[in-house]
Protein backbone atom coordinates (compact mmCIF):
# COMPACT_ATOMS: atom_id res chain seq x y z
CA MET A 1 0.00 0.00 0.00
CA LYS A 2 2.81 2.35 0.92
CA LYS A 3 4.75 1.50 -2.27
CA ARG A 4 1.66 2.19 -4.37
CA SER A 5 1.19 5.59 -2.71
CA LEU A 6 4.82 6.51 -3.32
CA LYS A 7 4.43 5.39 -6.93
CA HIS A 8 1.38 7.61 -7.40
CA LEU A 9 3.17 10.51 -5.71
CA GLY A 10 6.20 10.10 -7.98
CA LEU A 11 3.95 9.91 -11.05
CA GLY A 12 2.16 13.09 -10.03
CA ILE A 13 5.42 14.94 -9.48
CA GLY A 14 6.70 13.72 -12.86
CA ILE A 15 3.55 14.99 -14.62
CA LEU A 16 3.90 18.41 -12.97
CA ILE A 17 7.57 18.64 -14.01
CA ALA A 18 6.67 17.66 -17.60
CA ILE A 19 3.90 20.29 -17.74
CA ASN A 20 6.27 22.99 -16.48
CA LEU A 21 8.93 22.00 -19.01
CA LEU A 22 6.42 22.07 -21.87
CA SER A 23 5.05 25.46 -20.73
CA GLY A 24 8.51 26.92 -21.28
CA PHE A 25 8.25 26.04 -24.99
CA PHE A 26 4.55 26.62 -25.60
CA TYR A 27 2.56 29.67 -24.47
CA LEU A 28 -1.22 29.70 -24.53
CA ARG A 29 -3.45 32.40 -23.15
CA ILE A 30 -7.18 32.57 -23.75
CA ASP A 31 -9.05 35.86 -23.33
CA LEU A 32 -12.59 35.04 -22.19
CA THR A 33 -13.59 38.64 -21.36
CA GLU A 34 -16.61 40.02 -23.20
CA ASP A 35 -14.71 43.06 -24.52
CA ASN A 36 -11.42 41.20 -25.20
CA ARG A 37 -9.66 43.64 -22.91
CA PHE A 38 -6.57 41.43 -22.61
CA THR A 39 -6.18 41.00 -26.38
CA LEU A 40 -3.98 43.49 -28.24
CA SER A 41 -5.41 45.17 -31.31
CA GLU A 42 -4.10 44.42 -34.79
CA ALA A 43 -2.50 47.87 -35.00
CA SER A 44 -0.54 47.27 -31.78
CA ASN A 45 0.66 43.90 -33.07
CA ASP A 46 1.83 45.51 -36.31
CA ILE A 47 3.91 48.03 -34.35
CA LEU A 48 5.36 45.34 -32.08
CA GLU A 49 6.52 43.34 -35.11
CA LYS A 50 8.75 46.26 -36.16
CA ILE A 51 10.68 46.29 -32.86
CA ASP A 52 14.10 44.67 -33.38
CA SER A 53 16.03 46.10 -30.40
CA PRO A 54 15.38 46.21 -26.64
CA VAL A 55 12.68 48.62 -25.45
CA ILE A 56 12.97 49.85 -21.86
CA VAL A 57 9.77 51.05 -20.18
CA ASP A 58 10.13 52.88 -16.85
CA VAL A 59 6.78 53.46 -15.14
CA LEU A 60 6.73 56.13 -12.40
CA LEU A 61 3.77 54.58 -10.65
CA ASP A 62 4.73 52.68 -7.53
CA GLY A 63 4.78 53.00 -3.78
CA ASP A 64 1.87 53.91 -1.50
CA LEU A 65 -0.65 55.02 -4.13
CA PRO A 66 -4.30 56.09 -3.70
CA PRO A 67 -6.74 53.23 -4.52
CA GLU A 68 -7.68 54.63 -7.97
CA PHE A 69 -4.04 54.86 -9.01
CA GLN A 70 -3.43 51.35 -7.71
CA ARG A 71 -5.99 50.25 -10.30
CA LEU A 72 -4.22 52.27 -12.98
CA LYS A 73 -0.92 50.66 -12.01
CA LEU A 74 -2.45 47.17 -12.17
CA GLU A 75 -3.97 47.81 -15.60
CA THR A 76 -0.67 49.26 -16.85
CA GLU A 77 1.20 46.21 -15.59
CA GLN A 78 -1.25 43.87 -17.33
CA LEU A 79 -0.92 45.76 -20.61
CA LEU A 80 2.88 45.74 -20.44
CA GLU A 81 2.78 42.01 -19.74
CA ASN A 82 0.69 41.59 -22.92
CA LEU A 83 3.24 43.63 -24.88
CA TYR A 84 6.08 41.52 -23.48
CA ASN A 85 4.29 38.28 -24.34
CA ARG A 86 3.95 39.53 -27.92
CA ASN A 87 7.57 40.73 -28.15
CA ASP A 88 10.06 39.76 -25.43
CA LYS A 89 12.35 42.67 -26.34
CA ILE A 90 10.09 44.88 -24.22
CA LYS A 91 11.40 45.19 -20.66
CA TYR A 92 9.51 47.13 -18.02
CA GLY A 93 9.74 48.13 -14.39
CA PHE A 94 7.89 50.26 -11.84
CA GLU A 95 9.48 52.79 -9.52
CA ASP A 96 8.39 55.39 -6.99
CA PRO A 97 10.04 58.74 -7.84
CA LEU A 98 9.16 60.10 -4.37
CA GLU A 99 10.48 57.10 -2.44
CA ASP A 100 13.18 59.18 -0.71
CA PRO A 101 11.44 62.02 1.20
CA ALA A 102 14.73 63.91 1.55
CA GLN A 103 15.07 64.15 -2.23
CA ALA A 104 11.37 64.63 -2.99
CA GLU A 105 11.46 68.36 -3.78
CA ALA A 106 14.52 68.06 -6.02
CA THR A 107 12.98 65.07 -7.82
CA ILE A 108 9.69 66.89 -8.40
CA ALA A 109 11.52 69.90 -9.86
CA GLN A 110 13.65 67.67 -12.09
CA LEU A 111 10.64 65.76 -13.43
CA GLN A 112 8.70 68.94 -14.10
CA ARG A 113 11.66 70.36 -16.06
CA ILE A 114 11.38 67.50 -18.53
CA GLY A 115 7.61 67.90 -18.83
CA LEU A 116 6.39 65.28 -16.37
CA THR A 117 3.76 67.16 -14.41
CA PRO A 118 2.33 65.53 -11.28
CA ALA A 119 -1.32 64.88 -10.51
CA ASN A 120 -2.57 66.38 -7.26
CA VAL A 121 -4.90 63.76 -5.80
CA THR A 122 -7.37 64.52 -3.02
CA THR A 123 -8.48 61.45 -1.09
CA GLU A 124 -11.15 61.17 1.59
CA GLU A 125 -11.28 58.21 3.92
CA GLU A 126 -13.38 57.98 7.08
CA GLY A 127 -13.87 61.74 7.14
CA ARG A 128 -10.18 62.58 6.72
CA VAL A 129 -9.07 64.50 3.63
CA SER A 130 -5.49 64.32 2.39
CA GLN A 131 -3.61 65.40 -0.74
CA GLU A 132 -0.88 63.48 -2.49
CA LEU A 133 1.32 64.03 -5.54
CA VAL A 134 1.40 61.22 -8.07
CA PHE A 135 3.43 61.06 -11.30
CA PRO A 136 1.27 59.01 -13.71
CA TRP A 137 3.93 58.80 -16.44
CA ALA A 138 6.05 56.24 -18.22
CA MET A 139 9.28 56.69 -20.18
CA VAL A 140 9.82 54.46 -23.22
CA THR A 141 13.39 54.20 -24.54
CA TYR A 142 14.35 52.61 -27.86
CA LYS A 143 17.66 52.98 -29.69
CA ASP A 144 18.78 56.00 -27.63
CA GLN A 145 15.43 57.77 -28.14
CA THR A 146 12.99 58.37 -25.29
CA VAL A 147 9.28 59.19 -25.46
CA LYS A 148 7.09 60.31 -22.57
CA VAL A 149 3.83 58.43 -22.09
CA PRO A 150 1.02 60.11 -20.10
CA LEU A 151 -0.89 57.43 -18.23
CA LEU A 152 -3.54 59.80 -16.84
CA LYS A 153 -6.03 61.16 -19.37
CA ASN A 154 -7.57 64.44 -18.23
CA LYS A 155 -11.24 65.14 -18.78
CA LEU A 156 -12.84 68.48 -18.02
CA GLY A 157 -15.10 68.29 -14.95
CA ALA A 158 -14.36 64.62 -14.23
CA ASN A 159 -13.53 63.38 -10.75
CA THR A 160 -10.50 61.19 -10.03
CA ALA A 161 -12.37 57.89 -10.48
CA ASP A 162 -13.75 58.96 -13.88
CA ARG A 163 -10.32 60.14 -14.98
CA ILE A 164 -8.81 56.79 -14.03
CA ASN A 165 -11.49 54.94 -16.01
CA ASN A 166 -10.84 57.13 -19.06
CA SER A 167 -7.11 56.56 -18.60
CA ILE A 168 -7.54 52.78 -18.54
CA GLN A 169 -9.51 53.04 -21.78
CA ASN A 170 -6.61 55.00 -23.25
CA LEU A 171 -3.68 52.86 -22.03
CA GLU A 172 -3.13 50.72 -25.12
CA TYR A 173 -3.30 53.77 -27.37
CA ALA A 174 -0.82 55.67 -25.17
CA PHE A 175 1.84 52.95 -25.40
CA ALA A 176 1.15 52.07 -29.05
CA ASP A 177 1.43 55.75 -29.94
CA ALA A 178 4.78 56.02 -28.13
CA LEU A 179 6.16 52.90 -29.81
CA SER A 180 4.93 54.12 -33.19
CA LYS A 181 6.89 57.37 -32.78
CA LEU A 182 10.02 55.35 -32.06
CA VAL A 183 9.86 52.63 -34.71
CA VAL A 184 8.23 54.26 -37.77
CA THR A 185 10.92 55.44 -40.20
CA GLU A 186 9.01 56.23 -43.42
CA LYS A 187 6.99 59.36 -42.81
CA LYS A 188 4.35 61.06 -44.92
CA ARG A 189 4.67 64.76 -45.69
CA VAL A 190 2.54 67.69 -44.49
CA ALA A 191 2.66 71.08 -46.23
CA VAL A 192 1.85 74.21 -44.21
CA ILE A 193 0.34 76.68 -46.69
CA LYS A 194 1.58 80.28 -46.48
CA GLY A 195 1.03 83.50 -48.40
CA ASN A 196 -2.56 84.46 -47.51
CA GLY A 197 -2.13 85.83 -44.01
CA GLU A 198 -2.24 82.47 -42.25
CA LEU A 199 -1.31 82.05 -38.59
CA GLU A 200 2.32 82.72 -37.74
CA ASP A 201 4.50 79.72 -36.93
CA LEU A 202 4.71 80.81 -33.29
CA TYR A 203 0.99 80.11 -32.89
CA LEU A 204 1.28 76.78 -34.72
CA ALA A 205 4.41 75.75 -32.83
CA ASP A 206 2.95 73.20 -30.44
CA PHE A 207 0.81 71.45 -33.03
CA LEU A 208 3.59 71.29 -35.61
CA THR A 209 6.01 70.02 -32.98
CA SER A 210 3.53 67.29 -32.05
CA ILE A 211 2.87 66.04 -35.59
CA ARG A 212 6.58 66.24 -36.46
CA GLU A 213 6.97 63.05 -34.46
CA TYR A 214 4.82 61.29 -37.09
CA TYR A 215 5.26 63.28 -40.30
CA ASN A 216 7.76 65.40 -42.20
CA ILE A 217 6.71 69.05 -42.38
CA GLY A 218 7.46 71.76 -44.93
CA ALA A 219 6.11 75.17 -45.93
CA ILE A 220 4.62 76.03 -49.33
CA THR A 221 4.12 79.71 -50.14
CA LEU A 222 1.46 80.44 -52.76
CA ASP A 223 2.77 83.97 -53.50
CA SER A 224 4.91 82.75 -56.40
CA VAL A 225 2.03 81.15 -58.35
CA GLU A 226 1.68 84.30 -60.43
CA THR A 227 5.20 83.87 -61.85
CA ASN A 228 5.63 80.08 -61.84
CA PRO A 229 2.38 78.22 -61.01
CA GLN A 230 3.61 74.89 -62.38
CA LYS A 231 6.59 74.86 -60.01
CA VAL A 232 4.37 75.59 -57.01
CA LEU A 233 1.95 72.80 -57.97
CA ASP A 234 4.80 70.32 -58.49
CA GLN A 235 6.19 71.20 -55.07
CA LEU A 236 2.78 70.89 -53.46
CA ASN A 237 2.09 67.55 -55.14
CA SER A 238 5.16 66.11 -53.42
CA TYR A 239 3.26 66.42 -50.12
CA ASP A 240 0.46 64.19 -48.88
CA LEU A 241 -1.56 66.76 -46.93
CA ALA A 242 -2.00 70.54 -46.97
CA LEU A 243 -2.70 72.42 -43.74
CA ILE A 244 -4.40 75.79 -44.23
CA ALA A 245 -4.62 77.54 -40.84
CA LYS A 246 -6.69 80.72 -40.61
CA PRO A 247 -6.01 82.61 -43.86
CA THR A 248 -6.99 86.28 -43.61
CA GLN A 249 -6.32 87.44 -47.20
CA PRO A 250 -8.34 86.42 -50.28
CA PHE A 251 -7.03 83.67 -52.54
CA THR A 252 -6.47 84.69 -56.14
CA GLU A 253 -8.02 82.53 -58.84
CA THR A 254 -4.59 81.09 -59.65
CA GLU A 255 -3.86 80.25 -56.01
CA LYS A 256 -7.27 78.66 -55.67
CA TYR A 257 -6.75 76.64 -58.85
CA ILE A 258 -3.41 75.35 -57.56
CA MET A 259 -5.14 74.12 -54.38
CA ASP A 260 -7.95 72.67 -56.47
CA GLN A 261 -5.55 70.65 -58.62
CA PHE A 262 -3.69 69.45 -55.55
CA VAL A 263 -6.97 68.12 -54.15
CA VAL A 264 -8.15 66.60 -57.43
CA ASN A 265 -4.79 64.82 -57.78
CA GLY A 266 -5.33 63.08 -54.46
CA GLY A 267 -3.86 65.53 -51.94
CA ARG A 268 -5.60 65.55 -48.56
CA SER A 269 -6.39 68.90 -46.95
CA LEU A 270 -7.30 70.31 -43.53
CA TRP A 271 -8.92 73.75 -43.69
CA LEU A 272 -9.35 75.98 -40.62
CA ILE A 273 -11.28 79.01 -41.84
CA ASP A 274 -12.68 82.13 -40.15
CA PRO A 275 -15.64 83.37 -42.26
CA VAL A 276 -15.97 86.33 -39.88
CA ALA A 277 -13.15 88.68 -38.85
CA MET A 278 -13.33 89.05 -35.08
CA GLU A 279 -10.71 88.84 -32.31
CA LEU A 280 -11.12 89.13 -28.55
CA ASP A 281 -8.19 91.59 -28.40
CA SER A 282 -10.16 94.08 -30.49
CA LEU A 283 -12.65 94.47 -27.61
CA PHE A 284 -10.02 95.78 -25.20
CA ASN A 285 -10.63 99.46 -25.87
CA GLU A 286 -12.41 102.25 -24.03
CA GLU A 287 -15.82 101.24 -25.38
CA GLY A 288 -15.31 97.50 -24.89
CA ARG A 289 -16.84 96.76 -28.27
CA ALA A 290 -15.84 96.02 -31.86
CA LEU A 291 -17.44 95.30 -35.22
CA ALA A 292 -17.45 91.71 -36.51
CA LEU A 293 -17.30 91.74 -40.31
CA PRO A 294 -17.65 88.98 -42.91
CA ARG A 295 -14.28 87.92 -44.33
CA ASP A 296 -14.26 87.18 -48.07
CA LEU A 297 -11.49 84.70 -48.85
CA ASN A 298 -12.76 83.96 -52.37
CA LEU A 299 -13.22 80.31 -51.45
CA ASN A 300 -17.03 80.01 -51.51
CA ASP A 301 -17.22 78.36 -54.95
CA PHE A 302 -14.30 76.08 -54.03
CA PHE A 303 -16.04 74.65 -50.95
CA PHE A 304 -19.42 74.66 -52.71
CA ARG A 305 -18.08 72.14 -55.23
CA TYR A 306 -17.16 69.76 -52.40
CA GLY A 307 -20.53 70.15 -50.67
CA VAL A 308 -20.13 72.66 -47.82
CA ARG A 309 -20.82 76.36 -47.26
CA LEU A 310 -19.23 78.45 -44.51
CA ASN A 311 -21.65 81.11 -43.34
CA PRO A 312 -20.81 84.73 -42.35
CA ASP A 313 -22.16 84.39 -38.81
CA LEU A 314 -20.98 83.68 -35.28
CA VAL A 315 -22.16 80.89 -32.99
CA ASP A 316 -23.63 82.18 -29.72
CA ASP A 317 -23.63 79.18 -27.34
CA LEU A 318 -24.73 78.91 -23.70
CA TYR A 319 -22.34 75.94 -23.30
CA CYS A 320 -19.25 78.06 -23.54
CA ALA A 321 -15.72 78.51 -22.23
CA GLN A 322 -14.71 81.39 -19.99
CA ILE A 323 -12.64 84.50 -20.49
CA VAL A 324 -10.88 86.34 -17.68
CA LEU A 325 -11.46 90.07 -17.23
CA ALA A 326 -9.92 92.45 -14.71
CA SER A 327 -11.99 94.68 -12.47
CA GLY A 328 -10.64 97.47 -10.29
CA GLU A 329 -7.37 99.38 -10.64
CA GLY A 330 -3.79 98.86 -9.54
CA ASN A 331 -3.24 96.56 -6.59
CA ALA A 332 -6.99 96.33 -6.09
CA SER A 333 -7.51 94.61 -9.44
CA GLU A 334 -9.37 91.33 -9.45
CA TYR A 335 -9.42 88.80 -12.28
CA ASN A 336 -12.76 87.12 -12.76
CA PRO A 337 -13.56 84.22 -15.13
CA LEU A 338 -16.79 84.92 -16.99
CA PRO A 339 -18.76 82.80 -19.48
CA TRP A 340 -18.26 84.08 -23.04
CA VAL A 341 -20.98 82.86 -25.40
CA TYR A 342 -18.81 83.39 -28.49
CA TYR A 343 -16.38 80.72 -27.24
CA PRO A 344 -18.44 77.52 -27.70
CA MET A 345 -17.27 74.60 -25.58
CA VAL A 346 -18.08 71.58 -27.71
CA PHE A 347 -18.35 68.03 -26.44
CA SER A 348 -17.63 65.00 -28.59
CA GLN A 349 -20.45 63.35 -30.52
CA ASN A 350 -18.56 60.04 -30.49
CA ASN A 351 -19.84 59.28 -33.99
CA HIS A 352 -16.52 58.81 -35.79
CA PRO A 353 -12.97 57.54 -35.09
CA VAL A 354 -11.76 61.16 -35.19
CA ASN A 355 -13.81 62.31 -32.20
CA VAL A 356 -14.33 59.22 -30.01
CA ASN A 357 -13.32 59.43 -26.32
CA MET A 358 -12.20 63.03 -26.67
CA GLU A 359 -11.97 66.00 -24.32
CA ALA A 360 -14.19 69.04 -24.88
CA LEU A 361 -13.04 71.49 -27.57
CA ARG A 362 -12.85 75.26 -27.24
CA PHE A 363 -13.86 77.27 -30.30
CA GLN A 364 -13.35 81.04 -30.59
CA PHE A 365 -15.72 83.11 -32.73
CA ALA A 366 -16.73 80.07 -34.77
CA SER A 367 -19.20 80.11 -37.66
CA THR A 368 -21.81 77.64 -38.83
CA ILE A 369 -21.33 75.28 -41.78
CA ASP A 370 -24.06 74.10 -44.15
CA THR A 371 -23.77 70.73 -45.88
CA LEU A 372 -25.00 70.65 -49.49
CA GLU A 373 -26.35 67.84 -51.63
CA ASN A 374 -23.80 66.22 -53.94
CA ASP A 375 -22.15 62.85 -54.49
CA ASN A 376 -19.63 63.30 -51.66
CA LYS A 377 -20.21 61.85 -48.21
CA LYS A 378 -20.34 64.42 -45.41
CA THR A 379 -19.80 63.53 -41.75
CA ILE A 380 -20.37 66.24 -39.13
CA LEU A 381 -17.57 65.77 -36.62
CA VAL A 382 -18.40 68.65 -34.28
CA ARG A 383 -21.63 70.51 -33.50
CA SER A 384 -22.51 73.36 -31.21
CA SER A 385 -24.74 72.56 -28.25
CA PRO A 386 -28.56 72.45 -28.49
CA LEU A 387 -28.59 75.78 -26.59
CA SER A 388 -26.94 77.86 -29.30
CA LYS A 389 -28.00 80.32 -31.97
CA LYS A 390 -26.62 82.26 -34.94
CA ALA A 391 -25.43 85.87 -34.71
CA MET A 392 -25.25 87.23 -38.25
CA ALA A 393 -22.37 89.47 -39.33
CA PRO A 394 -21.79 92.35 -39.59
CA ARG A 395 -22.68 93.00 -35.99
CA THR A 396 -21.25 94.72 -32.92
CA ILE A 397 -19.70 92.50 -30.27
CA SER A 398 -19.52 94.01 -26.80
CA PHE A 399 -18.57 93.09 -23.26
CA ASP A 400 -21.97 94.52 -22.27
CA ILE A 401 -23.53 91.08 -22.78
CA LEU A 402 -21.72 89.97 -19.61
CA ASN A 403 -23.86 92.32 -17.52
CA SER A 404 -27.19 90.66 -18.25
CA ALA A 405 -28.53 87.12 -18.25
CA PRO A 406 -29.10 85.59 -21.71
CA ASP A 407 -32.63 85.03 -22.98
CA ARG A 408 -32.75 81.22 -22.93
CA ASP A 409 -35.97 81.19 -24.97
CA SER A 410 -34.05 82.49 -27.99
CA TYR A 411 -31.69 79.49 -27.97
CA ILE A 412 -34.09 77.07 -29.61
CA GLU A 413 -32.29 75.64 -32.67
CA GLY A 414 -28.66 74.82 -31.96
CA ASN A 415 -26.63 71.81 -33.04
CA TYR A 416 -24.90 73.78 -35.78
CA PRO A 417 -22.09 71.98 -37.67
CA LEU A 418 -18.64 73.40 -36.88
CA ALA A 419 -16.39 70.75 -38.47
CA VAL A 420 -17.23 68.54 -41.46
CA LEU A 421 -15.39 65.59 -43.01
CA ILE A 422 -15.90 65.25 -46.78
CA GLU A 423 -15.11 61.96 -48.53
CA GLY A 424 -15.62 60.72 -52.07
CA ASP A 425 -14.48 61.10 -55.68
CA PHE A 426 -13.64 64.78 -55.86
CA GLN A 427 -14.37 66.90 -58.93
CA SER A 428 -12.52 70.08 -59.81
CA ALA A 429 -14.16 73.34 -58.75
CA TYR A 430 -13.16 74.56 -62.23
CA ARG A 431 -14.95 71.82 -64.11
CA ASN A 432 -16.55 73.22 -67.27
CA ARG A 433 -15.08 76.63 -66.44
CA ILE A 434 -12.30 78.74 -67.92
CA LYS A 435 -9.06 77.94 -66.13
CA PRO A 436 -7.06 80.89 -64.73
CA VAL A 437 -3.76 79.31 -65.85
CA ASP A 438 -2.55 76.39 -67.95
CA LEU A 439 -0.95 73.52 -66.03
CA ASN A 440 0.55 70.21 -67.07
CA GLY A 441 -1.68 67.23 -66.35
CA GLU A 442 -4.81 69.25 -65.52
CA ARG A 443 -7.65 67.11 -64.22
CA GLU A 444 -11.35 67.78 -63.76
CA GLN A 445 -12.20 64.46 -62.13
CA GLY A 446 -10.23 62.98 -59.26
CA GLY A 447 -10.32 59.72 -57.36
CA GLU A 448 -11.13 58.80 -53.77
CA ASN A 449 -10.12 61.60 -51.40
CA LYS A 450 -10.77 63.20 -48.01
CA MET A 451 -11.00 66.77 -46.73
CA ILE A 452 -11.89 68.30 -43.36
CA VAL A 453 -13.28 71.84 -43.07
CA ILE A 454 -13.42 73.59 -39.67
CA SER A 455 -15.09 76.97 -39.17
CA ASP A 456 -12.59 78.36 -36.66
CA GLY A 457 -8.99 79.21 -37.49
CA ASP A 458 -8.02 79.65 -33.84
CA LEU A 459 -8.83 76.04 -32.98
CA ILE A 460 -5.21 75.23 -33.89
CA ALA A 461 -3.58 78.27 -32.26
CA ASN A 462 -1.62 77.83 -29.04
CA GLN A 463 -1.31 80.64 -26.49
CA LEU A 464 1.97 82.34 -25.59
CA ARG A 465 3.62 83.08 -22.28
CA ASN A 466 6.61 85.43 -22.24
CA GLY A 467 6.81 85.03 -26.00
CA ARG A 468 7.02 81.24 -25.82
CA PRO A 469 4.31 78.85 -27.08
CA LEU A 470 2.23 76.89 -24.59
CA GLU A 471 0.64 73.51 -25.20
CA LEU A 472 -2.24 73.62 -27.66
CA GLY A 473 -5.53 73.30 -25.78
CA TYR A 474 -4.22 74.87 -22.57
CA ASP A 475 -5.82 78.16 -21.51
CA LYS A 476 -3.40 80.08 -19.31
CA TRP A 477 -6.14 82.43 -18.08
CA THR A 478 -8.47 79.78 -16.64
CA ASN A 479 -5.91 76.97 -16.24
CA ASN A 480 -8.16 74.58 -18.18
CA PHE A 481 -7.15 71.98 -20.74
CA PHE A 482 -9.22 71.39 -23.87
CA GLY A 483 -8.99 68.63 -26.46
CA ASN A 484 -8.06 70.80 -29.45
CA LYS A 485 -4.70 69.14 -30.10
CA GLU A 486 -5.99 65.61 -29.76
CA PHE A 487 -8.86 66.34 -32.15
CA LEU A 488 -6.66 67.97 -34.78
CA MET A 489 -4.06 65.22 -34.59
CA ASN A 490 -6.84 62.69 -35.10
CA CYS A 491 -7.95 64.70 -38.12
CA VAL A 492 -4.46 64.55 -39.65
CA ASN A 493 -4.07 60.84 -38.83
CA TYR A 494 -7.41 60.01 -40.41
CA LEU A 495 -6.81 62.11 -43.53
CA LEU A 496 -3.47 60.36 -44.06
CA ASP A 497 -5.01 56.92 -43.53
CA ASP A 498 -3.10 56.34 -40.28
CA THR A 499 -6.25 54.83 -38.83
CA GLY A 500 -4.57 52.07 -36.84
CA LEU A 501 -3.85 54.25 -33.82
CA ILE A 502 -7.26 55.88 -34.03
CA ASN A 503 -8.92 52.46 -34.00
CA ILE A 504 -7.01 51.59 -30.83
CA ARG A 505 -8.36 54.76 -29.22
CA ASN A 506 -11.89 53.66 -30.16
CA ARG A 507 -11.70 50.40 -28.24
CA LYS A 508 -14.22 50.14 -25.43
CA VAL A 509 -13.02 48.52 -22.22
CA ALA A 510 -15.60 47.77 -19.54
CA VAL A 511 -14.08 48.95 -16.27
CA PRO A 512 -16.06 47.78 -13.19
CA VAL A 513 -16.53 50.60 -10.70
CA LEU A 514 -17.02 50.13 -6.96
CA ASP A 515 -19.62 52.22 -5.15
CA PRO A 516 -17.71 54.34 -2.57
CA GLU A 517 -20.81 54.71 -0.36
CA LYS A 518 -21.28 50.94 -0.14
CA ILE A 519 -17.56 50.51 0.51
CA SER A 520 -17.78 52.86 3.48
CA ALA A 521 -21.02 51.37 4.84
CA GLN A 522 -20.08 47.69 4.40
CA LYS A 523 -16.33 47.87 4.93
CA THR A 524 -16.29 46.00 8.29
CA ARG A 525 -18.62 43.25 7.10
CA TRP A 526 -16.54 42.46 4.01
CA GLN A 527 -13.31 42.58 6.01
CA LEU A 528 -14.75 39.94 8.37
CA ILE A 529 -15.93 37.86 5.41
CA ASN A 530 -12.58 38.07 3.61
CA ILE A 531 -10.64 37.16 6.75
CA GLY A 532 -13.12 34.85 8.49
CA VAL A 533 -14.38 32.67 5.63
CA PRO A 534 -10.90 31.36 4.63
CA LEU A 535 -10.11 30.63 8.31
CA ILE A 536 -13.42 28.78 8.79
CA PHE A 537 -12.81 26.83 5.57
CA VAL A 538 -9.30 25.78 6.67
CA ALA A 539 -10.57 24.89 10.15
CA SER A 540 -13.39 22.79 8.65
CA ILE A 541 -11.04 20.88 6.35
CA SER A 542 -8.61 20.31 9.23
CA SER A 543 -11.40 19.06 11.50
CA LEU A 544 -12.70 16.76 8.79
CA PHE A 545 -9.20 15.38 8.21
CA LEU A 546 -8.63 14.80 11.94
CA PHE A 547 -12.05 13.18 12.31
CA ARG A 548 -11.37 10.83 9.38
CA ARG A 549 -7.87 10.01 10.70
CA LYS A 550 -9.18 9.30 14.20
CA ARG A 551 -11.98 7.12 12.86
CA ARG A 552 -9.62 5.20 10.59
CA PHE A 553 -6.74 4.58 12.97
CA GLY A 554 -8.53 4.75 16.32
CA ARG A 555 -9.74 1.18 16.22
């Protein structure tokens, strides 16, 4: 009997050893979750296949973290494990940057200098409120290049728990985006159009710096089309996308025809247009008012051909961002944030890969866009709120509107298009018309193409501080972040068919959320259950074993 037991024991041990040896050669993992949250997307796998050298990932999320950030750390660790299982050249580790209290201040200053800003977390437990600094960042290094990865995704008005949930949704995109910046070598080309009073480079600095990590950027000036239009078109055709950011001077027929031929020949384009000339700075005078005038850029027939019309009006929206105005004089001055109805704050419609899971956008003196019937497909990416109305230009804009409550009954239409994606087989705006200039290879009918038209040129403009550009989407006056940069980068990615990363962003991950009120009310009961049930189970098994042993050998 004893020999048979030893034989069975030896056989069992042998089977376990064999299974462990085989597991070293074969790896199998089955994702049974409803949303496949532990399965990497195809786009992520494509990026991982291009990695041929070690990747070092340093995650600054360790130590005594608040509960929400513990969840973020766990999810980050699981994702990195998935990346490692797909490509074992990825090495990762977690560290607490504030582990040494004596060096905490110096470490915080050093991290902030390289752009790693901390999150100030307020926690409340059993009536006690405390604040902690957490650095939800990772650093990814590949072939002597390092990219910062923000693990915390901000959302205007969201509490910490909601921000963590949004961040978990965004984790795969954050790391895939970082790896893409490091491994992609062949880049498409983006042309920044100049010559018609477009925004200065200083106001485009942050956006251009951001897309430079994905694309090669160059400037094309349309001024020389009058002397050598063919050369300008040939230069422009060497680019994949044209960015036209807030032109303020009319396009000549020749300039417009050059842009038309670029589009008909397959060039993608992103237009940020102000149909009305109005700036907030023009109101800072003794009267506190200025005249908003229609701006004729000679582009109406151009956009009409592609199925949109930009209207000479301003959107007056009760869902709006704030401006900061000073009251008082000298040392007694006070700066007060006030709602400004001409700065619509637009929330995502989540109806397209470009705008899914996106922060609110801030528009400034935006106009409405009409979509027209033609063969092209139009998708409205951004709308004003239901509580908005049109203010036709010319009209006087004044700070006096801040002194009285708006008439809510007049805001009855709303939902005006502010950004439209146009897709289809594009025709020339000069079809069956006299051409302003002769060009080689002129075409009146193009193939499949895409274009995005936005009715606010300032959507892409970053603010300045001491003459230096700030991050696009950050408002230094109210200290709020908006999703302008994320939206515009999605626009460029989509226009250039870089939809892999956008599709990752669109993934929905079901994140179970605990009810904090139930946690507080039932904390003691569940602690007793978690501690007591295992002890009772072990005691029961032990008693049963002793009873059986006593009954068997007690005779």
